[in-house]
Each structure stands twice: as C-alpha cells, then as structure tokens.
Amino acid sequence: MKIGSLGRFPFFMPHILPEKLQFIFLKRINRIIMETETIKLLKEWAATYHCASFIPDDPVQFPHRYTEQCDIEISGLLTAVLSFGNRKMILRKADELDAIMGHSPLQYILSEKWRDDFRADDKSSFYRMVSHSDFRFYLEKLYSVYSEGKTLEDKLLEYAGTPMQKLCAFLEVSDRSPQKKLNMFLRWMVRQDSPVDFGVWKRMSASDLIIPLDTHVCRVAHLLGLTDKPVFSLTNAKRITNALAEIFPGDPCMGDFSLFGYGVNNKD
C-alpha cells in the first residue's frame, strides 16, 4: 500500500480484522505516518540549509573564491581531496593550499611551480596521511588536462560511464567504493540552479550523481529509514541515493543538505 492510498477506504476499520492482521495493519499505518513525517522533515531541512549561508563553514567556500571554470575545477578537486577529518583542520589546510597557489589555481598549475612545492621524493606529510608526494599526483593529473587547453569536464567526457566512473577512471582509483570526497566534488560541479553548488559542468546530469557517503551519513540515513543497512559501501550509497531520488526527483544530492540538517538538529 502506497502513501496516501488509505484515502480510498475512509470507513475501513481495522478492529474487524483478526488480531494478527490488526497488528500488521496498524504496523503498516505507523510506518506510513513515519515515512510521511520523514519526507516532510527532509524537504524542510533541504529548504533551510540549501542556501548561501551554508558556504562559509564548508570546504565549498574555497572554489567559491573564483569565477572562471578552470579555477573552480582545480580549487574544487584539490579541496575535496583534503576534505576528511576535523572540519577546522580541513578549512585551515585548504586555505593554506589556496595561498600556496597564489590565489590563482590555473596559473599555478600551468606555471609548474608545484613541481618544487610538492617534490616526487618528498614523503613528509602535507595533510594527515597525505604526503607531498601523494598530493603531487593530483597536480600532475590536472597539469595533463590544462596544458592541453582543456577543462576537466572536457577530459572526463573522454571516459565512459557515470560521472563517478569517469572521475575515478581519470584519477586511477576504484569506482567500487563510496568515494565520498569525489562524489562531493561532483555535486559541486554538476548541480545547477544552486546557491551552494556551481553547476559549471553542463554536460553531466544531477540525476546521475551519488550521495557523498561517509559513516555519519550512513548512520543518519539508516536512522531515517532511507536504507535498511548501516553499511559503508557503494551499494548502500546507491541505495540511499535512490531513496532520496524519490523525494527529490532528478536531484538526489539535494538530500545531502537534508542529512546535514539532521545533524544540526540532532546534535545530542
């Protein structure tokens, strides 16, 4: 029975059913009420937190310092790569990176100054377990794109698959794990008509995005009934995304703001 279908049976009384069926019926009614309330809350939280005031306390603030697509892409990807761990530490390191790039990401990549700043043999930490050598890999990949006069969007369209599969292929990482940071970056680039996300990639669809999944989002999604398993996996990320797509058709990652809203309103 779908939500709202009870309206067709206004005089149906569960007490005329056998006791076992009464229990099943009332359990289903309670579930419908809970689902309806959850959907209402998710939409309210999305409306509340999908706004420009979300930006200053989020890593998305760094690509928001730029207006040109290439600068946004570079700042966005590199910031996303650093977006794990304590939020204050993330923002501090991303701000440091922006200063290293001279507040001009494309010029920094094309100048090749990064070859001195991030040497291939430098195994010292740049941010937590990411070494200077590790981070250099991303700079090399970006240089391979922009030195050819392309945008990152242009480059990814040379690969097959979904937006996530394209980006994973380009970065030579597995597309069988949730890849939270990369899916967050894709949300920034692809979602349009947003006060938070950029929507500079016009040739990819928001309907093909996957929710950026971490253990917190996984737990919240399970509590809200968006998934029956609190498992950190790509399969579960897709399951949660599909559930959010029913609430936000064509734009499941709008639900990312809903789940953020849950965290704000349920800190205890």
Foldseek 3Di string as FASTA:
>chain_A
DDQPPCVVPVPDDLVVDPPVVSVVVVVVVVVSVLLVVLLVLLVVLLVVCLALVVQPQALLVLLVLDDDQQSSLQLLLLLLVLPDDDSVLSVVLSVVVCVVQVVRVLCSLQVPPLCVVQPLPFCPDSHDNQTSNNSVLVSVLSSVAVVVVHHVLVQLVVDDDASLVSVCVSSVHDSWFLPLSVLVSVQQQCDPPTNRRDNVNVVHFLLRGWARDDLLLLVLCCVSVLDVDSDRTNVVSVSSLVSQCVSVPRHSNSSVSSSVSVCVVPVD
